[in-house]
Amino acid sequence: MPQSEEYLYSNVQDHMIESWRVFINNLEKSLNMLEKDIDEAAQMQDICTLEWCEATEHVIDEIGNSLFSISEPKWASQDDSNKIKVLKKRLHDLYAKYKATSAK
């Protein structure tokens, strides 16, 4: 027997928002790892080898592409929206920290 349209929509919506939140949480974990790497690099002399700088910029670009191209589901909560805004600001701040570190 087919499920009602409302039940099906609700299940799809629940699965999509759960997957979306997992994606956002993984982006946050990536930012945490990036921040740790930049903080460690800031403590070292002459860390910005060409290889390190290119790799770090690539990671920043990839995270930025994901964060700034993400489409918020219409059923996302205000907390979900705020989290994305916070992550975008963190990425911006991390880029500034990276530039300061790479200029050493």
PDB file of N, CA and C in Angstrom:
ATOM      1  N   MET A   1       0.845  -1.175   0.000  1.00  0.00           N
ATOM      2  CA  MET A   1       0.000   0.000   0.000  1.00  0.00           C
ATOM      3  C   MET A   1       0.894   1.244   0.000  1.00  0.00           C
ATOM      4  N   PRO A   2       0.679   2.151  -0.919  1.00  0.00           N
ATOM      5  CA  PRO A   2       1.491   3.357  -1.005  1.00  0.00           C
ATOM      6  C   PRO A   2       1.322   4.230   0.243  1.00  0.00           C
ATOM      7  N   GLN A   3       2.429   4.887   0.608  1.00  0.00           N
ATOM      8  CA  GLN A   3       2.380   5.781   1.753  1.00  0.00           C
ATOM      9  C   GLN A   3       1.779   7.106   1.329  1.00  0.00           C
ATOM     10  N   SER A   4       1.217   7.813   2.299  1.00  0.00           N
ATOM     11  CA  SER A   4       0.628   9.106   1.973  1.00  0.00           C
ATOM     12  C   SER A   4       1.722  10.077   1.544  1.00  0.00           C
ATOM     13  N   GLU A   5       1.333  11.027   0.749  1.00  0.00           N
ATOM     14  CA  GLU A   5       2.281  12.021   0.251  1.00  0.00           C
ATOM     15  C   GLU A   5       2.905  12.793   1.419  1.00  0.00           C
ATOM     16  N   GLU A   6       2.099  13.134   2.415  1.00  0.00           N
ATOM     17  CA  GLU A   6       2.591  13.884   3.574  1.00  0.00           C
ATOM     18  C   GLU A   6       3.631  13.069   4.344  1.00  0.00           C
ATOM     19  N   TYR A   7       3.364  11.790   4.543  1.00  0.00           N
ATOM     20  CA  TYR A   7       4.310  10.918   5.259  1.00  0.00           C
ATOM     21  C   TYR A   7       5.613  10.798   4.466  1.00  0.00           C
ATOM     22  N   LEU A   8       5.516  10.584   3.182  1.00  0.00           N
ATOM     23  CA  LEU A   8       6.687  10.451   2.334  1.00  0.00           C
ATOM     24  C   LEU A   8       7.504  11.743   2.355  1.00  0.00           C
ATOM     25  N   TYR A   9       6.833  12.887   2.209  1.00  0.00           N
ATOM     26  CA  TYR A   9       7.516  14.177   2.219  1.00  0.00           C
ATOM     27  C   TYR A   9       8.224  14.393   3.559  1.00  0.00           C
ATOM     28  N   SER A  10       7.565  14.049   4.636  1.00  0.00           N
ATOM     29  CA  SER A  10       8.145  14.209   5.970  1.00  0.00           C
ATOM     30  C   SER A  10       9.397  13.353   6.133  1.00  0.00           C
ATOM     31  N   ASN A  11       9.348  12.120   5.660  1.00  0.00           N
ATOM     32  CA  ASN A  11      10.509  11.232   5.751  1.00  0.00           C
ATOM     33  C   ASN A  11      11.665  11.739   4.897  1.00  0.00           C
ATOM     34  N   VAL A  12      11.368  12.164   3.704  1.00  0.00           N
ATOM     35  CA  VAL A  12      12.401  12.694   2.818  1.00  0.00           C
ATOM     36  C   VAL A  12      13.021  13.935   3.452  1.00  0.00           C
ATOM     37  N   GLN A  13      12.181  14.806   3.955  1.00  0.00           N
ATOM     38  CA  GLN A  13      12.650  16.037   4.588  1.00  0.00           C
ATOM     39  C   GLN A  13      13.553  15.713   5.777  1.00  0.00           C
ATOM     40  N   ASP A  14      13.144  14.782   6.614  1.00  0.00           N
ATOM     41  CA  ASP A  14      13.949  14.401   7.781  1.00  0.00           C
ATOM     42  C   ASP A  14      15.313  13.866   7.367  1.00  0.00           C
ATOM     43  N   HIS A  15      15.348  13.029   6.359  1.00  0.00           N
ATOM     44  CA  HIS A  15      16.619  12.463   5.895  1.00  0.00           C
ATOM     45  C   HIS A  15      17.507  13.542   5.264  1.00  0.00           C
ATOM     46  N   MET A  16      16.903  14.431   4.522  1.00  0.00           N
ATOM     47  CA  MET A  16      17.688  15.484   3.875  1.00  0.00           C
ATOM     48  C   MET A  16      18.291  16.438   4.901  1.00  0.00           C
ATOM     49  N   ILE A  17      17.514  16.857   5.883  1.00  0.00           N
ATOM     50  CA  ILE A  17      18.040  17.793   6.871  1.00  0.00           C
ATOM     51  C   ILE A  17      19.105  17.122   7.719  1.00  0.00           C
ATOM     52  N   GLU A  18      18.932  15.846   8.024  1.00  0.00           N
ATOM     53  CA  GLU A  18      19.955  15.119   8.779  1.00  0.00           C
ATOM     54  C   GLU A  18      21.258  15.049   7.980  1.00  0.00           C
ATOM     55  N   SER A  19      21.165  14.730   6.708  1.00  0.00           N
ATOM     56  CA  SER A  19      22.355  14.667   5.846  1.00  0.00           C
ATOM     57  C   SER A  19      22.997  16.042   5.711  1.00  0.00           C
ATOM     58  N   TRP A  20      22.185  17.053   5.574  1.00  0.00           N
ATOM     59  CA  TRP A  20      22.680  18.426   5.452  1.00  0.00           C
ATOM     60  C   TRP A  20      23.446  18.821   6.709  1.00  0.00           C
ATOM     61  N   ARG A  21      22.908  18.472   7.877  1.00  0.00           N
ATOM     62  CA  ARG A  21      23.578  18.802   9.146  1.00  0.00           C
ATOM     63  C   ARG A  21      24.880  18.031   9.300  1.00  0.00           C
ATOM     64  N   VAL A  22      24.914  16.794   8.844  1.00  0.00           N
ATOM     65  CA  VAL A  22      26.165  16.026   8.881  1.00  0.00           C
ATOM     66  C   VAL A  22      27.213  16.722   8.009  1.00  0.00           C
ATOM     67  N   PHE A  23      26.805  17.172   6.847  1.00  0.00           N
ATOM     68  CA  PHE A  23      27.708  17.891   5.942  1.00  0.00           C
ATOM     69  C   PHE A  23      28.248  19.155   6.614  1.00  0.00           C
ATOM     70  N   ILE A  24      27.373  19.932   7.224  1.00  0.00           N
ATOM     71  CA  ILE A  24      27.780  21.167   7.902  1.00  0.00           C
ATOM     72  C   ILE A  24      28.723  20.845   9.055  1.00  0.00           C
ATOM     73  N   ASN A  25      28.416  19.819   9.826  1.00  0.00           N
ATOM     74  CA  ASN A  25      29.294  19.430  10.935  1.00  0.00           C
ATOM     75  C   ASN A  25      30.666  18.994  10.437  1.00  0.00           C
ATOM     76  N   ASN A  26      30.707  18.329   9.302  1.00  0.00           N
ATOM     77  CA  ASN A  26      31.996  17.921   8.735  1.00  0.00           C
ATOM     78  C   ASN A  26      32.784  19.121   8.212  1.00  0.00           C
ATOM     79  N   LEU A  27      32.101  20.119   7.687  1.00  0.00           N
ATOM     80  CA  LEU A  27      32.786  21.352   7.302  1.00  0.00           C
ATOM     81  C   LEU A  27      33.389  22.027   8.533  1.00  0.00           C
ATOM     82  N   GLU A  28      32.651  21.999   9.630  1.00  0.00           N
ATOM     83  CA  GLU A  28      33.160  22.591  10.868  1.00  0.00           C
ATOM     84  C   GLU A  28      34.399  21.832  11.357  1.00  0.00           C
ATOM     85  N   LYS A  29      34.372  20.513  11.280  1.00  0.00           N
ATOM     86  CA  LYS A  29      35.542  19.708  11.662  1.00  0.00           C
ATOM     87  C   LYS A  29      36.734  20.046  10.763  1.00  0.00           C
ATOM     88  N   SER A  30      36.479  20.248   9.490  1.00  0.00           N
ATOM     89  CA  SER A  30      37.552  20.624   8.560  1.00  0.00           C
ATOM     90  C   SER A  30      38.142  21.972   8.938  1.00  0.00           C
ATOM     91  N   LEU A  31      37.289  22.922   9.311  1.00  0.00           N
ATOM     92  CA  LEU A  31      37.784  24.227   9.757  1.00  0.00           C
ATOM     93  C   LEU A  31      38.627  24.084  11.022  1.00  0.00           C
ATOM     94  N   ASN A  32      38.201  23.216  11.924  1.00  0.00           N
ATOM     95  CA  ASN A  32      38.967  22.991  13.152  1.00  0.00           C
ATOM     96  C   ASN A  32      40.363  22.449  12.832  1.00  0.00           C
ATOM     97  N   MET A  33      40.443  21.495  11.921  1.00  0.00           N
ATOM     98  CA  MET A  33      41.739  20.932  11.537  1.00  0.00           C
ATOM     99  C   MET A  33      42.604  21.984  10.859  1.00  0.00           C
ATOM    100  N   LEU A  34      42.005  22.771   9.987  1.00  0.00           N
ATOM    101  CA  LEU A  34      42.733  23.831   9.300  1.00  0.00           C
ATOM    102  C   LEU A  34      43.259  24.851  10.305  1.00  0.00           C
ATOM    103  N   GLU A  35      42.430  25.232  11.252  1.00  0.00           N
ATOM    104  CA  GLU A  35      42.844  26.206  12.252  1.00  0.00           C
ATOM    105  C   GLU A  35      44.010  25.668  13.085  1.00  0.00           C
ATOM    106  N   LYS A  36      43.936  24.417  13.457  1.00  0.00           N
ATOM    107  CA  LYS A  36      45.026  23.802  14.229  1.00  0.00           C
ATOM    108  C   LYS A  36      46.328  23.840  13.428  1.00  0.00           C
ATOM    109  N   ASP A  37      46.252  23.518  12.165  1.00  0.00           N
ATOM    110  CA  ASP A  37      47.439  23.515  11.306  1.00  0.00           C
ATOM    111  C   ASP A  37      48.022  24.926  11.175  1.00  0.00           C
ATOM    112  N   ILE A  38      47.166  25.905  10.975  1.00  0.00           N
ATOM    113  CA  ILE A  38      47.643  27.286  10.844  1.00  0.00           C
ATOM    114  C   ILE A  38      48.228  27.769  12.170  1.00  0.00           C
ATOM    115  N   ASP A  39      47.589  27.435  13.282  1.00  0.00           N
ATOM    116  CA  ASP A  39      48.116  27.828  14.593  1.00  0.00           C
ATOM    117  C   ASP A  39      49.495  27.216  14.843  1.00  0.00           C
ATOM    118  N   GLU A  40      49.650  25.946  14.478  1.00  0.00           N
ATOM    119  CA  GLU A  40      50.953  25.291  14.640  1.00  0.00           C
ATOM    120  C   GLU A  40      51.997  25.948  13.736  1.00  0.00           C
ATOM    121  N   ALA A  41      51.601  26.273  12.530  1.00  0.00           N
ATOM    122  CA  ALA A  41      52.525  26.895  11.587  1.00  0.00           C
ATOM    123  C   ALA A  41      52.955  28.282  12.066  1.00  0.00           C
ATOM    124  N   ALA A  42      52.048  28.986  12.724  1.00  0.00           N
ATOM    125  CA  ALA A  42      52.359  30.327  13.204  1.00  0.00           C
ATOM    126  C   ALA A  42      53.467  30.307  14.255  1.00  0.00           C
ATOM    127  N   GLN A  43      53.637  29.160  14.906  1.00  0.00           N
ATOM    128  CA  GLN A  43      54.662  29.032  15.948  1.00  0.00           C
ATOM    129  C   GLN A  43      56.032  28.674  15.388  1.00  0.00           C
ATOM    130  N   MET A  44      56.102  28.370  14.110  1.00  0.00           N
ATOM    131  CA  MET A  44      57.356  27.926  13.498  1.00  0.00           C
ATOM    132  C   MET A  44      57.977  29.037  12.650  1.00  0.00           C
ATOM    133  N   GLN A  45      59.264  28.951  12.485  1.00  0.00           N
ATOM    134  CA  GLN A  45      59.985  29.877  11.614  1.00  0.00           C
ATOM    135  C   GLN A  45      59.972  29.325  10.185  1.00  0.00           C
ATOM    136  N   ASP A  46      59.845  30.166   9.243  1.00  0.00           N
ATOM    137  CA  ASP A  46      59.948  29.792   7.823  1.00  0.00           C
ATOM    138  C   ASP A  46      59.041  28.620   7.439  1.00  0.00           C
ATOM    139  N   ILE A  47      57.812  28.607   7.941  1.00  0.00           N
ATOM    140  CA  ILE A  47      56.913  27.479   7.670  1.00  0.00           C
ATOM    141  C   ILE A  47      56.336  27.542   6.254  1.00  0.00           C
ATOM    142  N   CYS A  48      56.187  28.720   5.740  1.00  0.00           N
ATOM    143  CA  CYS A  48      55.449  28.831   4.487  1.00  0.00           C
ATOM    144  C   CYS A  48      56.310  28.444   3.294  1.00  0.00           C
ATOM    145  N   THR A  49      56.528  27.162   3.191  1.00  0.00           N
ATOM    146  CA  THR A  49      57.145  26.666   1.970  1.00  0.00           C
ATOM    147  C   THR A  49      56.104  26.776   0.876  1.00  0.00           C
ATOM    148  N   LEU A  50      56.542  26.751  -0.321  1.00  0.00           N
ATOM    149  CA  LEU A  50      55.608  26.826  -1.437  1.00  0.00           C
ATOM    150  C   LEU A  50      54.561  25.712  -1.338  1.00  0.00           C
ATOM    151  N   GLU A  51      55.014  24.513  -1.004  1.00  0.00           N
ATOM    152  CA  GLU A  51      54.108  23.374  -0.898  1.00  0.00           C
ATOM    153  C   GLU A  51      53.060  23.601   0.194  1.00  0.00           C
ATOM    154  N   TRP A  52      53.492  24.059   1.378  1.00  0.00           N
ATOM    155  CA  TRP A  52      52.548  24.284   2.482  1.00  0.00           C
ATOM    156  C   TRP A  52      51.550  25.373   2.130  1.00  0.00           C
ATOM    157  N   CYS A  53      52.032  26.463   1.558  1.00  0.00           N
ATOM    158  CA  CYS A  53      51.143  27.569   1.186  1.00  0.00           C
ATOM    159  C   CYS A  53      50.113  27.140   0.137  1.00  0.00           C
ATOM    160  N   GLU A  54      50.563  26.436  -0.883  1.00  0.00           N
ATOM    161  CA  GLU A  54      49.633  25.981  -1.923  1.00  0.00           C
ATOM    162  C   GLU A  54      48.597  25.021  -1.358  1.00  0.00           C
ATOM    163  N   ALA A  55      49.040  24.092  -0.516  1.00  0.00           N
ATOM    164  CA  ALA A  55      48.105  23.130   0.077  1.00  0.00           C
ATOM    165  C   ALA A  55      47.091  23.835   0.973  1.00  0.00           C
ATOM    166  N   THR A  56      47.561  24.777   1.778  1.00  0.00           N
ATOM    167  CA  THR A  56      46.662  25.500   2.685  1.00  0.00           C
ATOM    168  C   THR A  56      45.667  26.341   1.905  1.00  0.00           C
ATOM    169  N   GLU A  57      46.132  27.032   0.895  1.00  0.00           N
ATOM    170  CA  GLU A  57      45.216  27.830   0.076  1.00  0.00           C
ATOM    171  C   GLU A  57      44.189  26.950  -0.629  1.00  0.00           C
ATOM    172  N   HIS A  58      44.622  25.788  -1.076  1.00  0.00           N
ATOM    173  CA  HIS A  58      43.696  24.864  -1.728  1.00  0.00           C
ATOM    174  C   HIS A  58      42.597  24.421  -0.759  1.00  0.00           C
ATOM    175  N   VAL A  59      42.986  24.085   0.460  1.00  0.00           N
ATOM    176  CA  VAL A  59      42.005  23.665   1.466  1.00  0.00           C
ATOM    177  C   VAL A  59      41.051  24.813   1.787  1.00  0.00           C
ATOM    178  N   ILE A  60      41.584  26.005   1.961  1.00  0.00           N
ATOM    179  CA  ILE A  60      40.737  27.169   2.228  1.00  0.00           C
ATOM    180  C   ILE A  60      39.757  27.387   1.088  1.00  0.00           C
ATOM    181  N   ASP A  61      40.237  27.282  -0.147  1.00  0.00           N
ATOM    182  CA  ASP A  61      39.354  27.450  -1.312  1.00  0.00           C
ATOM    183  C   ASP A  61      38.256  26.395  -1.348  1.00  0.00           C
ATOM    184  N   GLU A  62      38.624  25.152  -1.084  1.00  0.00           N
ATOM    185  CA  GLU A  62      37.630  24.072  -1.128  1.00  0.00           C
ATOM    186  C   GLU A  62      36.556  24.248  -0.061  1.00  0.00           C
ATOM    187  N   ILE A  63      36.988  24.578   1.155  1.00  0.00           N
ATOM    188  CA  ILE A  63      36.009  24.799   2.224  1.00  0.00           C
ATOM    189  C   ILE A  63      35.150  26.011   1.884  1.00  0.00           C
ATOM    190  N   GLY A  64      35.777  27.060   1.384  1.00  0.00           N
ATOM    191  CA  GLY A  64      35.025  28.259   1.004  1.00  0.00           C
ATOM    192  C   GLY A  64      34.011  27.981  -0.091  1.00  0.00           C
ATOM    193  N   ASN A  65      34.422  27.224  -1.091  1.00  0.00           N
ATOM    194  CA  ASN A  65      33.482  26.867  -2.158  1.00  0.00           C
ATOM    195  C   ASN A  65      32.283  26.120  -1.602  1.00  0.00           C
ATOM    196  N   SER A  66      32.543  25.214  -0.685  1.00  0.00           N
ATOM    197  CA  SER A  66      31.443  24.445  -0.088  1.00  0.00           C
ATOM    198  C   SER A  66      30.543  25.330   0.764  1.00  0.00           C
ATOM    199  N   LEU A  67      31.157  26.147   1.603  1.00  0.00           N
ATOM    200  CA  LEU A  67      30.366  26.990   2.511  1.00  0.00           C
ATOM    201  C   LEU A  67      29.546  28.041   1.779  1.00  0.00           C
ATOM    202  N   PHE A  68      30.159  28.682   0.787  1.00  0.00           N
ATOM    203  CA  PHE A  68      29.474  29.798   0.145  1.00  0.00           C
ATOM    204  C   PHE A  68      28.532  29.361  -0.982  1.00  0.00           C
ATOM    205  N   SER A  69      28.605  28.112  -1.370  1.00  0.00           N
ATOM    206  CA  SER A  69      27.678  27.644  -2.405  1.00  0.00           C
ATOM    207  C   SER A  69      26.566  26.777  -1.823  1.00  0.00           C
ATOM    208  N   ILE A  70      26.594  26.581  -0.527  1.00  0.00           N
ATOM    209  CA  ILE A  70      25.603  25.703   0.089  1.00  0.00           C
ATOM    210  C   ILE A  70      24.218  26.338   0.010  1.00  0.00           C
ATOM    211  N   SER A  71      23.266  25.513  -0.239  1.00  0.00           N
ATOM    212  CA  SER A  71      21.885  25.958  -0.293  1.00  0.00           C
ATOM    213  C   SER A  71      21.189  25.472   0.971  1.00  0.00           C
ATOM    214  N   GLU A  72      20.662  26.414   1.736  1.00  0.00           N
ATOM    215  CA  GLU A  72      19.973  26.039   2.966  1.00  0.00           C
ATOM    216  C   GLU A  72      18.580  25.514   2.627  1.00  0.00           C
ATOM    217  N   PRO A  73      18.258  24.342   3.142  1.00  0.00           N
ATOM    218  CA  PRO A  73      16.897  23.833   2.922  1.00  0.00           C
ATOM    219  C   PRO A  73      15.873  24.778   3.548  1.00  0.00           C
ATOM    220  N   LYS A  74      14.721  24.857   2.970  1.00  0.00           N
ATOM    221  CA  LYS A  74      13.705  25.779   3.480  1.00  0.00           C
ATOM    222  C   LYS A  74      13.258  25.406   4.886  1.00  0.00           C
ATOM    223  N   TRP A  75      13.472  24.167   5.278  1.00  0.00           N
ATOM    224  CA  TRP A  75      13.057  23.735   6.612  1.00  0.00           C
ATOM    225  C   TRP A  75      14.197  23.793   7.625  1.00  0.00           C
ATOM    226  N   ALA A  76      15.312  24.380   7.242  1.00  0.00           N
ATOM    227  CA  ALA A  76      16.429  24.543   8.174  1.00  0.00           C
ATOM    228  C   ALA A  76      16.018  25.513   9.281  1.00  0.00           C
ATOM    229  N   SER A  77      16.495  25.233  10.474  1.00  0.00           N
ATOM    230  CA  SER A  77      16.148  26.081  11.617  1.00  0.00           C
ATOM    231  C   SER A  77      17.014  27.345  11.619  1.00  0.00           C
ATOM    232  N   GLN A  78      16.652  28.275  12.468  1.00  0.00           N
ATOM    233  CA  GLN A  78      17.452  29.490  12.626  1.00  0.00           C
ATOM    234  C   GLN A  78      18.840  29.138  13.144  1.00  0.00           C
ATOM    235  N   ASP A  79      18.926  28.139  14.014  1.00  0.00           N
ATOM    236  CA  ASP A  79      20.231  27.683  14.509  1.00  0.00           C
ATOM    237  C   ASP A  79      21.100  27.172  13.362  1.00  0.00           C
ATOM    238  N   ASP A  80      20.483  26.458  12.426  1.00  0.00           N
ATOM    239  CA  ASP A  80      21.221  25.975  11.256  1.00  0.00           C
ATOM    240  C   ASP A  80      21.763  27.146  10.443  1.00  0.00           C
ATOM    241  N   SER A  81      20.933  28.134  10.213  1.00  0.00           N
ATOM    242  CA  SER A  81      21.351  29.311   9.448  1.00  0.00           C
ATOM    243  C   SER A  81      22.464  30.064  10.166  1.00  0.00           C
ATOM    244  N   ASN A  82      22.323  30.207  11.466  1.00  0.00           N
ATOM    245  CA  ASN A  82      23.351  30.902  12.245  1.00  0.00           C
ATOM    246  C   ASN A  82      24.677  30.160  12.206  1.00  0.00           C
ATOM    247  N   LYS A  83      24.620  28.837  12.231  1.00  0.00           N
ATOM    248  CA  LYS A  83      25.850  28.046  12.198  1.00  0.00           C
ATOM    249  C   LYS A  83      26.614  28.294  10.902  1.00  0.00           C
ATOM    250  N   ILE A  84      25.900  28.369   9.796  1.00  0.00           N
ATOM    251  CA  ILE A  84      26.557  28.636   8.515  1.00  0.00           C
ATOM    252  C   ILE A  84      27.197  30.021   8.536  1.00  0.00           C
ATOM    253  N   LYS A  85      26.508  31.000   9.076  1.00  0.00           N
ATOM    254  CA  LYS A  85      27.072  32.350   9.157  1.00  0.00           C
ATOM    255  C   LYS A  85      28.342  32.354  10.004  1.00  0.00           C
ATOM    256  N   VAL A  86      28.313  31.642  11.123  1.00  0.00           N
ATOM    257  CA  VAL A  86      29.487  31.563  12.001  1.00  0.00           C
ATOM    258  C   VAL A  86      30.646  30.881  11.274  1.00  0.00           C
ATOM    259  N   LEU A  87      30.352  29.806  10.554  1.00  0.00           N
ATOM    260  CA  LEU A  87      31.405  29.091   9.825  1.00  0.00           C
ATOM    261  C   LEU A  87      32.006  29.965   8.720  1.00  0.00           C
ATOM    262  N   LYS A  88      31.197  30.740   8.045  1.00  0.00           N
ATOM    263  CA  LYS A  88      31.707  31.642   7.006  1.00  0.00           C
ATOM    264  C   LYS A  88      32.628  32.695   7.613  1.00  0.00           C
ATOM    265  N   LYS A  89      32.246  33.230   8.767  1.00  0.00           N
ATOM    266  CA  LYS A  89      33.095  34.219   9.438  1.00  0.00           C
ATOM    267  C   LYS A  89      34.399  33.572   9.908  1.00  0.00           C
ATOM    268  N   ARG A  90      34.302  32.357  10.445  1.00  0.00           N
ATOM    269  CA  ARG A  90      35.512  31.651  10.869  1.00  0.00           C
ATOM    270  C   ARG A  90      36.464  31.444   9.705  1.00  0.00           C
ATOM    271  N   LEU A  91      35.926  31.058   8.556  1.00  0.00           N
ATOM    272  CA  LEU A  91      36.767  30.852   7.384  1.00  0.00           C
ATOM    273  C   LEU A  91      37.453  32.159   6.993  1.00  0.00           C
ATOM    274  N   HIS A  92      36.713  33.240   7.010  1.00  0.00           N
ATOM    275  CA  HIS A  92      37.276  34.551   6.700  1.00  0.00           C
ATOM    276  C   HIS A  92      38.418  34.877   7.665  1.00  0.00           C
ATOM    277  N   ASP A  93      38.185  34.659   8.954  1.00  0.00           N
ATOM    278  CA  ASP A  93      39.203  34.928   9.972  1.00  0.00           C
ATOM    279  C   ASP A  93      40.415  34.004   9.815  1.00  0.00           C
ATOM    280  N   LEU A  94      40.162  32.753   9.475  1.00  0.00           N
ATOM    281  CA  LEU A  94      41.263  31.807   9.263  1.00  0.00           C
ATOM    282  C   LEU A  94      42.102  32.204   8.049  1.00  0.00           C
ATOM    283  N   TYR A  95      41.459  32.716   7.035  1.00  0.00           N
ATOM    284  CA  TYR A  95      42.216  33.168   5.865  1.00  0.00           C
ATOM    285  C   TYR A  95      43.140  34.322   6.261  1.00  0.00           C
ATOM    286  N   ALA A  96      42.630  35.238   7.060  1.00  0.00           N
ATOM    287  CA  ALA A  96      43.451  36.360   7.522  1.00  0.00           C
ATOM    288  C   ALA A  96      44.613  35.850   8.373  1.00  0.00           C
ATOM    289  N   LYS A  97      44.345  34.865   9.222  1.00  0.00           N
ATOM    290  CA  LYS A  97      45.410  34.286  10.054  1.00  0.00           C
ATOM    291  C   LYS A  97      46.440  33.572   9.181  1.00  0.00           C
ATOM    292  N   TYR A  98      45.962  32.880   8.158  1.00  0.00           N
ATOM    293  CA  TYR A  98      46.865  32.198   7.221  1.00  0.00           C
ATOM    294  C   TYR A  98      47.757  33.219   6.517  1.00  0.00           C
ATOM    295  N   LYS A  99      47.172  34.312   6.027  1.00  0.00           N
ATOM    296  CA  LYS A  99      47.950  35.327   5.310  1.00  0.00           C
ATOM    297  C   LYS A  99      49.017  35.926   6.233  1.00  0.00           C
ATOM    298  N   ALA A 100      48.658  36.177   7.476  1.00  0.00           N
ATOM    299  CA  ALA A 100      49.627  36.718   8.431  1.00  0.00           C
ATOM    300  C   ALA A 100      50.751  35.710   8.688  1.00  0.00           C
ATOM    301  N   THR A 101      50.400  34.435   8.781  1.00  0.00           N
ATOM    302  CA  THR A 101      51.396  33.386   9.021  1.00  0.00           C
ATOM    303  C   THR A 101      52.297  33.206   7.803  1.00  0.00           C
ATOM    304  N   SER A 102      51.712  33.226   6.622  1.00  0.00           N
ATOM    305  CA  SER A 102      52.503  32.997   5.404  1.00  0.00           C
ATOM    306  C   SER A 102      53.410  34.177   5.080  1.00  0.00           C
ATOM    307  N   ALA A 103      53.122  35.344   5.658  1.00  0.00           N
ATOM    308  CA  ALA A 103      53.938  36.532   5.393  1.00  0.00           C
ATOM    309  C   ALA A 103      55.219  36.559   6.238  1.00  0.00           C
ATOM    310  N   LYS A 104      55.332  35.641   7.184  1.00  0.00           N
ATOM    311  CA  LYS A 104      56.521  35.619   8.057  1.00  0.00           C
ATOM    312  C   LYS A 104      57.768  35.302   7.297  1.00  0.00           C
TER     313      LYS A 104
END
